[in-house]
Amino acid sequence: MYYVPEGTKLCGFYECQDCGSRFLSVQIGPCMVCPDCGEEPDMEIGPDDEMPEVREAAKLLQVIQGEEEVEKMDTLLSLAITGGDYNWL
């Protein structure tokens, strides 16, 4: 599968408020850092550097339950990215 590991039975369906990308994640919470436009901050800062801000712009739209439902949603989202090209499978 493209977004989540094979056999996943529960995942979150997210949409980023900044870039508009939609994705699945096995982490479920009200919001998270977008894997496309968000950056994990480098917490190793010097004395003159400001503390980096973690921006959680991806909002949870729906919790997907059931192995078949997760697989179906993963396939639909991956088709949007690959343009219907099944050669990546």
N, C-alpha and C. Protein backbone atom coordinates (compact mmCIF):
# COMPACT_ATOMS: atom_id res chain seq x y z
N MET A 1 0.84 -1.17 0.00
CA MET A 1 0.00 0.00 0.00
C MET A 1 0.90 1.24 0.00
N TYR A 2 0.32 2.36 -0.31
CA TYR A 2 1.10 3.58 -0.55
C TYR A 2 1.33 4.40 0.73
N TYR A 3 0.30 4.64 1.50
CA TYR A 3 0.40 5.51 2.68
C TYR A 3 0.63 4.76 3.98
N VAL A 4 -0.04 3.64 4.15
CA VAL A 4 0.03 2.88 5.41
C VAL A 4 0.49 1.45 5.12
N PRO A 5 1.05 0.76 6.11
CA PRO A 5 1.51 -0.62 5.91
C PRO A 5 0.35 -1.58 5.60
N GLU A 6 0.68 -2.64 4.92
CA GLU A 6 -0.28 -3.69 4.60
C GLU A 6 -0.88 -4.26 5.88
N GLY A 7 -2.18 -4.47 5.90
CA GLY A 7 -2.85 -5.05 7.05
C GLY A 7 -3.28 -4.03 8.10
N THR A 8 -3.15 -2.74 7.83
CA THR A 8 -3.58 -1.72 8.78
C THR A 8 -5.09 -1.75 8.92
N LYS A 9 -5.58 -1.74 10.15
CA LYS A 9 -7.01 -1.83 10.41
C LYS A 9 -7.63 -0.51 10.88
N LEU A 10 -6.79 0.46 11.25
CA LEU A 10 -7.27 1.74 11.75
C LEU A 10 -6.28 2.82 11.37
N CYS A 11 -6.77 3.89 10.73
CA CYS A 11 -5.90 5.00 10.37
C CYS A 11 -6.71 6.28 10.29
N GLY A 12 -6.01 7.38 10.23
CA GLY A 12 -6.65 8.69 10.12
C GLY A 12 -6.51 9.25 8.72
N PHE A 13 -7.56 9.92 8.25
CA PHE A 13 -7.57 10.58 6.95
C PHE A 13 -7.44 12.07 7.21
N TYR A 14 -6.35 12.68 6.72
CA TYR A 14 -6.02 14.06 7.03
C TYR A 14 -6.00 14.93 5.78
N GLU A 15 -6.23 16.24 5.99
CA GLU A 15 -6.05 17.23 4.94
C GLU A 15 -5.26 18.40 5.52
N CYS A 16 -4.23 18.82 4.79
CA CYS A 16 -3.39 19.93 5.24
C CYS A 16 -4.08 21.25 4.90
N GLN A 17 -4.16 22.14 5.88
CA GLN A 17 -4.78 23.45 5.69
C GLN A 17 -3.89 24.38 4.87
N ASP A 18 -2.57 24.13 4.83
CA ASP A 18 -1.65 25.00 4.11
C ASP A 18 -1.53 24.62 2.64
N CYS A 19 -1.22 23.35 2.35
CA CYS A 19 -0.97 22.95 0.96
C CYS A 19 -2.14 22.19 0.33
N GLY A 20 -3.10 21.74 1.13
CA GLY A 20 -4.28 21.06 0.59
C GLY A 20 -4.10 19.58 0.30
N SER A 21 -2.93 19.01 0.61
CA SER A 21 -2.72 17.59 0.34
C SER A 21 -3.53 16.74 1.32
N ARG A 22 -3.97 15.60 0.85
CA ARG A 22 -4.71 14.64 1.68
C ARG A 22 -3.88 13.38 1.79
N PHE A 23 -3.89 12.78 2.97
CA PHE A 23 -3.07 11.60 3.20
C PHE A 23 -3.64 10.78 4.34
N LEU A 24 -3.17 9.54 4.45
CA LEU A 24 -3.52 8.64 5.54
C LEU A 24 -2.33 8.52 6.48
N SER A 25 -2.62 8.30 7.75
CA SER A 25 -1.56 8.10 8.73
C SER A 25 -2.05 7.12 9.79
N VAL A 26 -1.13 6.28 10.27
CA VAL A 26 -1.49 5.36 11.35
C VAL A 26 -1.58 6.08 12.68
N GLN A 27 -1.00 7.28 12.76
CA GLN A 27 -1.15 8.11 13.96
C GLN A 27 -2.49 8.83 13.86
N ILE A 28 -3.25 8.76 14.94
CA ILE A 28 -4.56 9.40 14.93
C ILE A 28 -4.60 10.45 16.03
N GLY A 29 -4.92 11.66 15.64
CA GLY A 29 -5.02 12.78 16.56
C GLY A 29 -5.77 13.90 15.85
N PRO A 30 -6.15 14.94 16.55
CA PRO A 30 -6.93 16.01 15.93
C PRO A 30 -6.15 16.77 14.85
N CYS A 31 -4.82 16.84 14.99
CA CYS A 31 -4.00 17.49 13.97
C CYS A 31 -2.58 16.93 14.05
N MET A 32 -1.82 17.10 12.96
CA MET A 32 -0.45 16.63 12.91
C MET A 32 0.34 17.44 11.89
N VAL A 33 1.65 17.24 11.86
CA VAL A 33 2.52 17.92 10.91
C VAL A 33 2.33 17.28 9.54
N CYS A 34 2.15 18.10 8.52
CA CYS A 34 1.97 17.60 7.15
C CYS A 34 3.27 17.00 6.63
N PRO A 35 3.24 15.79 6.05
CA PRO A 35 4.47 15.20 5.53
C PRO A 35 4.96 15.89 4.25
N ASP A 36 4.10 16.64 3.58
CA ASP A 36 4.50 17.31 2.34
C ASP A 36 5.11 18.68 2.58
N CYS A 37 4.42 19.53 3.33
CA CYS A 37 4.89 20.91 3.49
C CYS A 37 5.43 21.20 4.88
N GLY A 38 5.13 20.36 5.84
CA GLY A 38 5.60 20.59 7.21
C GLY A 38 6.99 20.05 7.40
N GLU A 39 7.73 20.64 8.29
CA GLU A 39 9.07 20.18 8.60
C GLU A 39 9.15 19.82 10.07
N GLU A 40 9.86 18.76 10.34
CA GLU A 40 10.15 18.44 11.73
C GLU A 40 11.23 19.40 12.17
N PRO A 41 11.03 20.13 13.24
CA PRO A 41 12.02 21.13 13.66
C PRO A 41 13.31 20.49 14.15
N ASP A 42 14.39 21.18 13.90
CA ASP A 42 15.69 20.76 14.42
C ASP A 42 15.84 21.34 15.80
N MET A 43 15.76 20.50 16.82
CA MET A 43 15.76 20.98 18.20
C MET A 43 17.17 21.28 18.72
N GLU A 44 18.19 21.04 17.90
CA GLU A 44 19.55 21.38 18.30
C GLU A 44 19.81 22.82 17.90
N ILE A 45 19.54 23.73 18.81
CA ILE A 45 19.68 25.14 18.51
C ILE A 45 20.84 25.74 19.30
N GLY A 46 21.36 26.82 18.77
CA GLY A 46 22.45 27.51 19.44
C GLY A 46 21.90 28.56 20.40
N PRO A 47 22.79 29.23 21.09
CA PRO A 47 22.34 30.23 22.07
C PRO A 47 21.66 31.45 21.44
N ASP A 48 21.96 31.75 20.19
CA ASP A 48 21.37 32.91 19.53
C ASP A 48 20.16 32.56 18.66
N ASP A 49 19.86 31.27 18.54
CA ASP A 49 18.75 30.83 17.69
C ASP A 49 17.44 30.83 18.47
N GLU A 50 16.35 31.04 17.73
CA GLU A 50 15.03 30.96 18.35
C GLU A 50 14.54 29.52 18.34
N MET A 51 13.70 29.20 19.30
CA MET A 51 13.12 27.86 19.37
C MET A 51 12.22 27.67 18.15
N PRO A 52 12.42 26.59 17.38
CA PRO A 52 11.60 26.37 16.19
C PRO A 52 10.14 26.08 16.57
N GLU A 53 9.24 26.52 15.71
CA GLU A 53 7.81 26.33 15.95
C GLU A 53 7.31 25.13 15.15
N VAL A 54 6.64 24.23 15.82
CA VAL A 54 6.05 23.08 15.16
C VAL A 54 4.64 23.47 14.73
N ARG A 55 4.39 23.44 13.42
CA ARG A 55 3.08 23.82 12.90
C ARG A 55 2.34 22.57 12.48
N GLU A 56 1.28 22.26 13.18
CA GLU A 56 0.46 21.09 12.87
C GLU A 56 -0.73 21.56 12.03
N ALA A 57 -0.54 21.61 10.71
CA ALA A 57 -1.54 22.17 9.81
C ALA A 57 -2.49 21.12 9.25
N ALA A 58 -2.17 19.84 9.40
CA ALA A 58 -3.03 18.78 8.85
C ALA A 58 -4.11 18.44 9.87
N LYS A 59 -5.35 18.56 9.47
CA LYS A 59 -6.49 18.30 10.35
C LYS A 59 -7.11 16.95 10.03
N LEU A 60 -7.55 16.26 11.06
CA LEU A 60 -8.20 14.96 10.91
C LEU A 60 -9.59 15.16 10.31
N LEU A 61 -9.84 14.50 9.18
CA LEU A 61 -11.16 14.56 8.55
C LEU A 61 -12.03 13.38 8.96
N GLN A 62 -11.40 12.20 9.04
CA GLN A 62 -12.17 10.99 9.30
C GLN A 62 -11.24 9.90 9.82
N VAL A 63 -11.78 9.04 10.68
CA VAL A 63 -11.06 7.85 11.12
C VAL A 63 -11.57 6.69 10.27
N ILE A 64 -10.65 6.01 9.60
CA ILE A 64 -11.00 4.88 8.73
C ILE A 64 -10.77 3.60 9.51
N GLN A 65 -11.83 2.75 9.60
CA GLN A 65 -11.74 1.50 10.35
C GLN A 65 -12.02 0.33 9.43
N GLY A 66 -11.33 -0.75 9.68
CA GLY A 66 -11.52 -1.97 8.91
C GLY A 66 -10.44 -2.10 7.84
N GLU A 67 -9.88 -3.28 7.73
CA GLU A 67 -8.78 -3.50 6.80
C GLU A 67 -9.17 -3.22 5.35
N GLU A 68 -10.38 -3.63 4.95
CA GLU A 68 -10.83 -3.40 3.58
C GLU A 68 -11.05 -1.91 3.29
N GLU A 69 -11.63 -1.19 4.25
CA GLU A 69 -11.87 0.24 4.08
C GLU A 69 -10.55 1.02 3.99
N VAL A 70 -9.60 0.64 4.83
CA VAL A 70 -8.29 1.30 4.80
C VAL A 70 -7.61 1.05 3.46
N GLU A 71 -7.66 -0.18 2.98
CA GLU A 71 -7.04 -0.53 1.70
C GLU A 71 -7.72 0.22 0.55
N LYS A 72 -9.04 0.33 0.59
CA LYS A 72 -9.78 1.04 -0.46
C LYS A 72 -9.40 2.53 -0.48
N MET A 73 -9.36 3.16 0.69
CA MET A 73 -9.03 4.58 0.77
C MET A 73 -7.58 4.81 0.34
N ASP A 74 -6.67 3.93 0.75
CA ASP A 74 -5.27 4.05 0.35
C ASP A 74 -5.13 3.96 -1.16
N THR A 75 -5.85 3.05 -1.77
CA THR A 75 -5.81 2.89 -3.23
C THR A 75 -6.35 4.13 -3.92
N LEU A 76 -7.47 4.67 -3.45
CA LEU A 76 -8.04 5.87 -4.06
C LEU A 76 -7.11 7.07 -3.96
N LEU A 77 -6.51 7.28 -2.81
CA LEU A 77 -5.59 8.40 -2.65
C LEU A 77 -4.32 8.22 -3.47
N SER A 78 -3.82 6.99 -3.56
CA SER A 78 -2.60 6.75 -4.33
C SER A 78 -2.85 6.90 -5.83
N LEU A 79 -4.06 6.60 -6.28
CA LEU A 79 -4.39 6.80 -7.70
C LEU A 79 -4.37 8.28 -8.07
N ALA A 80 -4.75 9.13 -7.13
CA ALA A 80 -4.69 10.58 -7.38
C ALA A 80 -3.25 11.04 -7.58
N ILE A 81 -2.31 10.42 -6.88
CA ILE A 81 -0.91 10.81 -6.99
C ILE A 81 -0.25 10.19 -8.21
N THR A 82 -0.51 8.91 -8.46
CA THR A 82 0.13 8.22 -9.57
C THR A 82 -0.57 8.45 -10.89
N GLY A 83 -1.76 9.03 -10.87
CA GLY A 83 -2.49 9.27 -12.11
C GLY A 83 -3.07 8.01 -12.73
N GLY A 84 -3.29 6.99 -11.94
CA GLY A 84 -3.87 5.74 -12.43
C GLY A 84 -2.83 4.77 -12.94
N ASP A 85 -1.56 5.05 -12.74
CA ASP A 85 -0.50 4.16 -13.20
C ASP A 85 -0.28 3.06 -12.17
N TYR A 86 -0.64 1.85 -12.53
CA TYR A 86 -0.50 0.72 -11.61
C TYR A 86 0.89 0.11 -11.61
N ASN A 87 1.83 0.65 -12.40
CA ASN A 87 3.17 0.07 -12.48
C ASN A 87 3.94 0.20 -11.17
N TRP A 88 3.56 1.14 -10.30
CA TRP A 88 4.27 1.30 -9.03
C TRP A 88 3.91 0.21 -8.04
N LEU A 89 2.79 -0.53 -8.29
CA LEU A 89 2.37 -1.59 -7.36
C LEU A 89 3.35 -2.74 -7.34
